[in-house]
C-alpha atoms as a PDB file:
ATOM      1  CA  UNK A   1       2.025  10.124 -30.282  1.00  0.00           C
ATOM      2  CA  UNK A   2      -0.875  11.757 -28.361  1.00  0.00           C
ATOM      3  CA  UNK A   3      -0.910   9.870 -25.169  1.00  0.00           C
ATOM      4  CA  UNK A   4      -4.235   9.443 -23.042  1.00  0.00           C
ATOM      5  CA  UNK A   5      -3.271   9.911 -19.491  1.00  0.00           C
ATOM      6  CA  UNK A   6      -5.152   9.084 -16.368  1.00  0.00           C
ATOM      7  CA  UNK A   7      -4.017   9.846 -12.755  1.00  0.00           C
ATOM      8  CA  UNK A   8      -5.635   7.733 -10.162  1.00  0.00           C
ATOM      9  CA  UNK A   9      -5.493   8.257  -6.426  1.00  0.00           C
ATOM     10  CA  UNK A  10      -6.280   5.398  -3.797  1.00  0.00           C
ATOM     11  CA  UNK A  11      -7.891   7.331  -0.857  1.00  0.00           C
ATOM     12  CA  UNK A  12      -8.924   6.167   2.646  1.00  0.00           C
ATOM     13  CA  UNK A  13      -9.771   8.700   5.345  1.00  0.00           C
ATOM     14  CA  UNK A  14      -7.802  11.485   3.690  1.00  0.00           C
ATOM     15  CA  UNK A  15     -10.041  14.502   4.736  1.00  0.00           C
ATOM     16  CA  UNK A  16      -6.852  16.431   5.835  1.00  0.00           C
ATOM     17  CA  UNK A  17      -5.253  16.122   2.540  1.00  0.00           C
ATOM     18  CA  UNK A  18      -7.619  15.295  -0.231  1.00  0.00           C
ATOM     19  CA  UNK A  19      -8.644  18.663  -1.380  1.00  0.00           C
ATOM     20  CA  UNK A  20      -5.031  20.004  -1.479  1.00  0.00           C
ATOM     21  CA  UNK A  21      -3.629  17.167  -3.265  1.00  0.00           C
ATOM     22  CA  UNK A  22      -6.414  17.047  -6.039  1.00  0.00           C
ATOM     23  CA  UNK A  23      -6.013  20.775  -6.596  1.00  0.00           C
ATOM     24  CA  UNK A  24      -2.426  20.113  -7.147  1.00  0.00           C
ATOM     25  CA  UNK A  25      -2.897  17.062  -9.371  1.00  0.00           C
ATOM     26  CA  UNK A  26      -5.404  19.103 -11.369  1.00  0.00           C
ATOM     27  CA  UNK A  27      -2.645  21.401 -12.455  1.00  0.00           C
ATOM     28  CA  UNK A  28      -0.739  18.455 -14.261  1.00  0.00           C
ATOM     29  CA  UNK A  29      -3.459  16.176 -15.459  1.00  0.00           C
ATOM     30  CA  UNK A  30      -6.850  16.563 -16.875  1.00  0.00           C
ATOM     31  CA  UNK A  31      -8.280  13.116 -16.330  1.00  0.00           C
ATOM     32  CA  UNK A  32      -8.376  12.034 -12.605  1.00  0.00           C
ATOM     33  CA  UNK A  33      -9.916   9.138 -10.869  1.00  0.00           C
ATOM     34  CA  UNK A  34     -10.156   8.865  -7.064  1.00  0.00           C
ATOM     35  CA  UNK A  35     -10.914   5.343  -5.685  1.00  0.00           C
ATOM     36  CA  UNK A  36     -12.602   6.096  -2.250  1.00  0.00           C
ATOM     37  CA  UNK A  37     -11.818   2.771  -0.354  1.00  0.00           C
ATOM     38  CA  UNK A  38     -14.685   3.022   2.095  1.00  0.00           C
ATOM     39  CA  UNK A  39     -13.690   6.258   3.874  1.00  0.00           C
ATOM     40  CA  UNK A  40     -15.572   6.828   7.182  1.00  0.00           C
ATOM     41  CA  UNK A  41     -14.507  10.471   7.687  1.00  0.00           C
ATOM     42  CA  UNK A  42     -15.505  13.586   5.566  1.00  0.00           C
ATOM     43  CA  UNK A  43     -13.667  12.411   2.558  1.00  0.00           C
ATOM     44  CA  UNK A  44     -16.750  11.322   0.466  1.00  0.00           C
ATOM     45  CA  UNK A  45     -18.426  14.650   1.355  1.00  0.00           C
ATOM     46  CA  UNK A  46     -15.439  16.537   0.205  1.00  0.00           C
ATOM     47  CA  UNK A  47     -15.128  14.592  -2.960  1.00  0.00           C
ATOM     48  CA  UNK A  48     -18.876  15.108  -3.746  1.00  0.00           C
ATOM     49  CA  UNK A  49     -18.231  18.846  -3.799  1.00  0.00           C
ATOM     50  CA  UNK A  50     -15.535  18.689  -6.534  1.00  0.00           C
ATOM     51  CA  UNK A  51     -16.295  18.874 -10.153  1.00  0.00           C
ATOM     52  CA  UNK A  52     -14.438  17.119 -13.007  1.00  0.00           C
ATOM     53  CA  UNK A  53     -13.163  14.296 -10.999  1.00  0.00           C
ATOM     54  CA  UNK A  54     -14.342  10.709 -11.437  1.00  0.00           C
ATOM     55  CA  UNK A  55     -14.870   8.709  -8.266  1.00  0.00           C
ATOM     56  CA  UNK A  56     -15.217   4.968  -7.437  1.00  0.00           C
ATOM     57  CA  UNK A  57     -16.577   4.260  -4.058  1.00  0.00           C
ATOM     58  CA  UNK A  58     -15.747   0.810  -2.390  1.00  0.00           C
ATOM     59  CA  UNK A  59     -18.038  -0.162   0.454  1.00  0.00           C
ATOM     60  CA  UNK A  60     -16.767  -1.545   2.588  1.00  0.00           C
ATOM     61  CA  UNK A  61     -13.031  -0.878   2.566  1.00  0.00           C
ATOM     62  CA  UNK A  62     -11.054  -3.392   0.260  1.00  0.00           C
ATOM     63  CA  UNK A  63      -7.608  -2.251   1.066  1.00  0.00           C
ATOM     64  CA  UNK A  64      -4.770  -0.564  -0.759  1.00  0.00           C
ATOM     65  CA  UNK A  65      -4.316  -3.255  -3.372  1.00  0.00           C
ATOM     66  CA  UNK A  66      -8.110  -3.476  -3.983  1.00  0.00           C
ATOM     67  CA  UNK A  67      -8.177   0.274  -4.655  1.00  0.00           C
ATOM     68  CA  UNK A  68      -5.350  -0.041  -7.045  1.00  0.00           C
ATOM     69  CA  UNK A  69      -7.156  -2.935  -8.954  1.00  0.00           C
ATOM     70  CA  UNK A  70     -10.205  -0.738  -9.484  1.00  0.00           C
ATOM     71  CA  UNK A  71      -7.909   1.966 -10.898  1.00  0.00           C
ATOM     72  CA  UNK A  72      -6.255  -0.721 -13.214  1.00  0.00           C
ATOM     73  CA  UNK A  73      -9.746  -1.870 -14.367  1.00  0.00           C
ATOM     74  CA  UNK A  74     -10.939   1.670 -15.062  1.00  0.00           C
ATOM     75  CA  UNK A  75      -8.029   2.707 -17.001  1.00  0.00           C
ATOM     76  CA  UNK A  76      -8.384  -0.587 -19.200  1.00  0.00           C
ATOM     77  CA  UNK A  77     -12.079   0.007 -19.700  1.00  0.00           C
ATOM     78  CA  UNK A  78     -11.772   3.556 -20.760  1.00  0.00           C
ATOM     79  CA  UNK A  79      -8.914   2.898 -23.154  1.00  0.00           C
ATOM     80  CA  UNK A  80      -6.095   5.054 -21.608  1.00  0.00           C
ATOM     81  CA  UNK A  81      -2.445   4.646 -22.666  1.00  0.00           C
ATOM     82  CA  UNK A  82      -0.857   5.466 -19.336  1.00  0.00           C
ATOM     83  CA  UNK A  83      -2.093   5.148 -15.711  1.00  0.00           C
ATOM     84  CA  UNK A  84      -0.081   7.087 -13.001  1.00  0.00           C
ATOM     85  CA  UNK A  85      -1.013   6.224  -9.534  1.00  0.00           C
ATOM     86  CA  UNK A  86      -0.361   8.689  -6.838  1.00  0.00           C
ATOM     87  CA  UNK A  87      -0.905   8.504  -3.108  1.00  0.00           C
ATOM     88  CA  UNK A  88      -3.142  11.218  -1.367  1.00  0.00           C
ATOM     89  CA  UNK A  89      -1.152  11.727   1.730  1.00  0.00           C
ATOM     90  CA  UNK A  90       0.720  14.625   0.310  1.00  0.00           C
ATOM     91  CA  UNK A  91       4.018  12.741   0.082  1.00  0.00           C
ATOM     92  CA  UNK A  92       4.340  12.756  -3.698  1.00  0.00           C
ATOM     93  CA  UNK A  93       5.066  15.648  -6.053  1.00  0.00           C
ATOM     94  CA  UNK A  94       2.163  15.984  -8.616  1.00  0.00           C
ATOM     95  CA  UNK A  95       4.430  18.176 -10.823  1.00  0.00           C
ATOM     96  CA  UNK A  96       6.478  15.043 -11.645  1.00  0.00           C
ATOM     97  CA  UNK A  97       3.187  13.185 -13.252  1.00  0.00           C
ATOM     98  CA  UNK A  98       3.889  14.317 -16.756  1.00  0.00           C
ATOM     99  CA  UNK A  99       7.548  13.172 -16.600  1.00  0.00           C
ATOM    100  CA  UNK A 100       6.742   9.824 -15.182  1.00  0.00           C
ATOM    101  CA  UNK A 101       3.976   9.159 -17.738  1.00  0.00           C
ATOM    102  CA  UNK A 102       6.259  10.354 -20.609  1.00  0.00           C
ATOM    103  CA  UNK A 103       8.929   7.838 -19.385  1.00  0.00           C
ATOM    104  CA  UNK A 104       6.592   5.050 -20.376  1.00  0.00           C
ATOM    105  CA  UNK A 105       7.271   5.883 -24.011  1.00  0.00           C
ATOM    106  CA  UNK A 106      10.879   6.923 -24.281  1.00  0.00           C
ATOM    107  CA  UNK A 107      12.165   8.049 -27.720  1.00  0.00           C
ATOM    108  CA  UNK A 108      13.825   5.477 -29.887  1.00  0.00           C
ATOM    109  CA  UNK A 109      13.199   2.776 -27.424  1.00  0.00           C
ATOM    110  CA  UNK A 110      10.520   0.137 -26.793  1.00  0.00           C
ATOM    111  CA  UNK A 111       7.751   1.129 -24.204  1.00  0.00           C
ATOM    112  CA  UNK A 112       8.349   0.512 -20.442  1.00  0.00           C
ATOM    113  CA  UNK A 113       5.547  -1.391 -18.855  1.00  0.00           C
ATOM    114  CA  UNK A 114       6.171  -0.056 -15.326  1.00  0.00           C
ATOM    115  CA  UNK A 115       7.921   3.188 -14.477  1.00  0.00           C
ATOM    116  CA  UNK A 116       8.250   2.994 -10.673  1.00  0.00           C
ATOM    117  CA  UNK A 117       9.037   5.829  -8.403  1.00  0.00           C
ATOM    118  CA  UNK A 118      12.041   5.409  -6.210  1.00  0.00           C
ATOM    119  CA  UNK A 119      12.681   7.664  -3.135  1.00  0.00           C
ATOM    120  CA  UNK A 120      16.068   6.228  -2.872  1.00  0.00           C
ATOM    121  CA  UNK A 121      17.422   6.396  -6.302  1.00  0.00           C
ATOM    122  CA  UNK A 122      18.572  10.048  -6.040  1.00  0.00           C
ATOM    123  CA  UNK A 123      18.836  12.595  -3.234  1.00  0.00           C
ATOM    124  CA  UNK A 124      16.961  15.741  -3.392  1.00  0.00           C
ATOM    125  CA  UNK A 125      17.203  19.070  -1.350  1.00  0.00           C
ATOM    126  CA  UNK A 126      14.969  18.797   1.559  1.00  0.00           C
ATOM    127  CA  UNK A 127      14.504  14.939   1.564  1.00  0.00           C
ATOM    128  CA  UNK A 128      13.067  13.639   4.750  1.00  0.00           C
ATOM    129  CA  UNK A 129      14.657  10.892   6.888  1.00  0.00           C
ATOM    130  CA  UNK A 130      12.478   7.761   6.438  1.00  0.00           C
ATOM    131  CA  UNK A 131      11.123   5.773   9.384  1.00  0.00           C
ATOM    132  CA  UNK A 132      13.879   3.282  10.202  1.00  0.00           C
ATOM    133  CA  UNK A 133      11.566   0.125  10.206  1.00  0.00           C
ATOM    134  CA  UNK A 134      10.015   1.118   6.868  1.00  0.00           C
ATOM    135  CA  UNK A 135      13.469   1.636   5.275  1.00  0.00           C
ATOM    136  CA  UNK A 136      14.692  -1.525   6.633  1.00  0.00           C
ATOM    137  CA  UNK A 137      11.697  -3.588   5.374  1.00  0.00           C
ATOM    138  CA  UNK A 138      11.940  -1.983   1.948  1.00  0.00           C
ATOM    139  CA  UNK A 139      15.671  -2.858   1.639  1.00  0.00           C
ATOM    140  CA  UNK A 140      15.021  -6.426   2.907  1.00  0.00           C
ATOM    141  CA  UNK A 141      12.230  -6.926   0.082  1.00  0.00           C
ATOM    142  CA  UNK A 142      14.618  -5.230  -2.443  1.00  0.00           C
ATOM    143  CA  UNK A 143      17.208  -7.808  -1.656  1.00  0.00           C
ATOM    144  CA  UNK A 144      14.803 -10.756  -1.836  1.00  0.00           C
ATOM    145  CA  UNK A 145      13.585  -9.413  -5.326  1.00  0.00           C
ATOM    146  CA  UNK A 146      17.143  -9.116  -6.630  1.00  0.00           C
ATOM    147  CA  UNK A 147      18.287 -12.435  -5.315  1.00  0.00           C
ATOM    148  CA  UNK A 148      15.345 -14.337  -6.677  1.00  0.00           C
ATOM    149  CA  UNK A 149      14.792 -12.515  -9.983  1.00  0.00           C
ATOM    150  CA  UNK A 150      17.766 -10.164 -10.613  1.00  0.00           C
ATOM    151  CA  UNK A 151      15.275  -7.242 -10.305  1.00  0.00           C
ATOM    152  CA  UNK A 152      17.273  -4.388  -9.170  1.00  0.00           C
ATOM    153  CA  UNK A 153      14.924  -2.149  -7.376  1.00  0.00           C
ATOM    154  CA  UNK A 154      15.944   0.483  -4.826  1.00  0.00           C
ATOM    155  CA  UNK A 155      12.295   1.126  -3.685  1.00  0.00           C
ATOM    156  CA  UNK A 156       9.774  -1.777  -3.790  1.00  0.00           C
ATOM    157  CA  UNK A 157       6.820   0.027  -2.350  1.00  0.00           C
ATOM    158  CA  UNK A 158       6.558   3.620  -3.751  1.00  0.00           C
ATOM    159  CA  UNK A 159       3.035   4.206  -4.642  1.00  0.00           C
ATOM    160  CA  UNK A 160       3.914   6.711  -7.176  1.00  0.00           C
ATOM    161  CA  UNK A 161       4.089   4.772 -10.582  1.00  0.00           C
ATOM    162  CA  UNK A 162       3.262   5.081 -14.231  1.00  0.00           C
ATOM    163  CA  UNK A 163       1.906   2.079 -16.035  1.00  0.00           C
ATOM    164  CA  UNK A 164       1.418   1.054 -19.730  1.00  0.00           C
ATOM    165  CA  UNK A 165      -2.082   0.393 -19.533  1.00  0.00           C
ATOM    166  CA  UNK A 166      -1.902  -2.543 -22.260  1.00  0.00           C
ATOM    167  CA  UNK A 167       0.462  -4.186 -19.764  1.00  0.00           C
ATOM    168  CA  UNK A 168      -2.174  -3.859 -16.906  1.00  0.00           C
ATOM    169  CA  UNK A 169      -4.236  -6.532 -18.836  1.00  0.00           C
ATOM    170  CA  UNK A 170      -1.720  -9.235 -17.888  1.00  0.00           C
ATOM    171  CA  UNK A 171      -2.083  -8.771 -14.090  1.00  0.00           C
ATOM    172  CA  UNK A 172      -4.284 -10.984 -11.904  1.00  0.00           C
ATOM    173  CA  UNK A 173      -4.075  -9.407  -8.637  1.00  0.00           C
ATOM    174  CA  UNK A 174      -5.752 -11.077  -5.596  1.00  0.00           C
ATOM    175  CA  UNK A 175      -3.757  -9.663  -2.874  1.00  0.00           C
ATOM    176  CA  UNK A 176      -5.725  -6.531  -1.787  1.00  0.00           C
ATOM    177  CA  UNK A 177      -3.721  -5.458   1.239  1.00  0.00           C
ATOM    178  CA  UNK A 178      -0.383  -3.555   1.406  1.00  0.00           C
ATOM    179  CA  UNK A 179       1.480  -6.623   0.028  1.00  0.00           C
ATOM    180  CA  UNK A 180      -0.138  -6.055  -3.407  1.00  0.00           C
ATOM    181  CA  UNK A 181       3.247  -4.729  -4.686  1.00  0.00           C
ATOM    182  CA  UNK A 182       4.918  -8.054  -4.196  1.00  0.00           C
ATOM    183  CA  UNK A 183       2.341  -9.925  -6.108  1.00  0.00           C
ATOM    184  CA  UNK A 184       2.620  -7.236  -8.878  1.00  0.00           C
ATOM    185  CA  UNK A 185       6.399  -7.522  -9.206  1.00  0.00           C
ATOM    186  CA  UNK A 186       6.260 -11.333  -9.230  1.00  0.00           C
ATOM    187  CA  UNK A 187       3.685 -11.322 -12.159  1.00  0.00           C
ATOM    188  CA  UNK A 188       5.858  -8.487 -13.883  1.00  0.00           C
ATOM    189  CA  UNK A 189       8.697 -10.905 -13.838  1.00  0.00           C
ATOM    190  CA  UNK A 190       6.722 -13.795 -15.130  1.00  0.00           C
ATOM    191  CA  UNK A 191       5.557 -11.765 -18.075  1.00  0.00           C
ATOM    192  CA  UNK A 192       8.939 -10.406 -18.778  1.00  0.00           C
ATOM    193  CA  UNK A 193       7.751  -6.640 -18.445  1.00  0.00           C
ATOM    194  CA  UNK A 194      10.083  -3.756 -18.790  1.00  0.00           C
ATOM    195  CA  UNK A 195      10.573  -2.059 -15.596  1.00  0.00           C
ATOM    196  CA  UNK A 196      12.405   1.150 -14.960  1.00  0.00           C
ATOM    197  CA  UNK A 197      12.781   3.286 -11.842  1.00  0.00           C
ATOM    198  CA  UNK A 198      12.305   7.024 -11.704  1.00  0.00           C
ATOM    199  CA  UNK A 199      13.794   9.263  -9.017  1.00  0.00           C
ATOM    200  CA  UNK A 200      11.298  11.065  -6.756  1.00  0.00           C
ATOM    201  CA  UNK A 201      11.702  13.066  -3.532  1.00  0.00           C
ATOM    202  CA  UNK A 202      11.536  11.281  -0.228  1.00  0.00           C
ATOM    203  CA  UNK A 203       8.851  13.006   1.818  1.00  0.00           C
ATOM    204  CA  UNK A 204       7.333  11.739   5.086  1.00  0.00           C
ATOM    205  CA  UNK A 205       4.650  13.866   6.565  1.00  0.00           C
ATOM    206  CA  UNK A 206       3.190  11.419   9.097  1.00  0.00           C
ATOM    207  CA  UNK A 207       5.476   8.712  10.420  1.00  0.00           C
ATOM    208  CA  UNK A 208       2.856   7.432  12.671  1.00  0.00           C
ATOM    209  CA  UNK A 209       0.469   6.210   9.967  1.00  0.00           C
ATOM    210  CA  UNK A 210      -1.039   2.818  10.743  1.00  0.00           C
ATOM    211  CA  UNK A 211      -0.955  -0.343   8.495  1.00  0.00           C
ATOM    212  CA  UNK A 212      -3.755  -1.757  10.690  1.00  0.00           C
ATOM    213  CA  UNK A 213      -3.638  -4.333  13.272  1.00  0.00           C
ATOM    214  CA  UNK A 214      -0.802  -6.746  13.545  1.00  0.00           C
ATOM    215  CA  UNK A 215       0.965  -5.108  10.402  1.00  0.00           C
ATOM    216  CA  UNK A 216       1.961  -2.273  12.563  1.00  0.00           C
ATOM    217  CA  UNK A 217       4.652  -4.651  14.078  1.00  0.00           C
ATOM    218  CA  UNK A 218       7.604  -4.401  11.711  1.00  0.00           C
ATOM    219  CA  UNK A 219       8.548  -8.018  12.132  1.00  0.00           C
ATOM    220  CA  UNK A 220       5.068  -9.410  11.632  1.00  0.00           C
ATOM    221  CA  UNK A 221       4.651  -7.182   8.623  1.00  0.00           C
ATOM    222  CA  UNK A 222       7.987  -8.625   6.940  1.00  0.00           C
ATOM    223  CA  UNK A 223       6.707 -12.075   7.633  1.00  0.00           C
ATOM    224  CA  UNK A 224       3.393 -11.364   6.026  1.00  0.00           C
ATOM    225  CA  UNK A 225       5.330  -9.921   2.901  1.00  0.00           C
ATOM    226  CA  UNK A 226       7.476 -13.080   2.744  1.00  0.00           C
ATOM    227  CA  UNK A 227       4.426 -15.242   2.949  1.00  0.00           C
ATOM    228  CA  UNK A 228       2.805 -13.395   0.025  1.00  0.00           C
ATOM    229  CA  UNK A 229       6.011 -13.336  -1.985  1.00  0.00           C
ATOM    230  CA  UNK A 230       6.400 -17.220  -1.535  1.00  0.00           C
ATOM    231  CA  UNK A 231       2.851 -17.969  -2.402  1.00  0.00           C
ATOM    232  CA  UNK A 232       2.938 -15.854  -5.500  1.00  0.00           C
ATOM    233  CA  UNK A 233       6.161 -17.486  -6.716  1.00  0.00           C
ATOM    234  CA  UNK A 234       4.373 -20.818  -6.350  1.00  0.00           C
ATOM    235  CA  UNK A 235       1.241 -19.605  -8.140  1.00  0.00           C
ATOM    236  CA  UNK A 236       3.161 -18.232 -10.960  1.00  0.00           C
ATOM    237  CA  UNK A 237       5.516 -21.102 -11.189  1.00  0.00           C
ATOM    238  CA  UNK A 238       8.577 -18.751 -10.770  1.00  0.00           C
ATOM    239  CA  UNK A 239      10.969 -20.317  -8.317  1.00  0.00           C
ATOM    240  CA  UNK A 240      13.441 -18.233  -6.695  1.00  0.00           C
ATOM    241  CA  UNK A 241      16.682 -18.220  -8.726  1.00  0.00           C
ATOM    242  CA  UNK A 242      15.061 -19.298 -11.914  1.00  0.00           C
ATOM    243  CA  UNK A 243      15.180 -15.579 -13.419  1.00  0.00           C
ATOM    244  CA  UNK A 244      17.936 -13.084 -13.312  1.00  0.00           C
END
């Protein structure tokens, strides 16, 4: 089949990386969307100078989840088959975009709704050591998702994903912050979506990046994730232990 592929990048104050990352993405995908989530640095000016890239501008900042929601809707409205999301901090490898997208439609098999990049599924030469607290929280969330739903993920929070656009129509995302993936996983379980992980390199270029405010405290961040997870299970009427 001829697959219409869109690659989308949520961007917030990425003047250091945005030009280089977009140049690399262009080598592997023709249709590119940038969701500029209220950047206050030179990011909007740099994007304005680039041709052949569609830009959605949020004003003010809505959050990481909010940026992804705009990308989801754009992919739906423009009748794409696959949406690949990739972060703009230089920590994902754009050359994997075609493979990630192709994994949505495997040969002799039903389509996969979410192909989720995992930095912990395989080891790659030159892998970074992850920040200890981020790895710990990721593992804790993985355990919660497996315990409740039998969802065997090794990386709950990787932003490098491929989505079957038809499946995106089933999501009702209201969590616009960094906990958005938890809402997404609960709703994916609720709709019995087909999920598969895809190994990607583990690259950390800036361990000091902030989540903002109290979320920079690891314990408070995990408590926030737990709150969102419990609330979404109640909203979707998917109690812990009911699926697996």
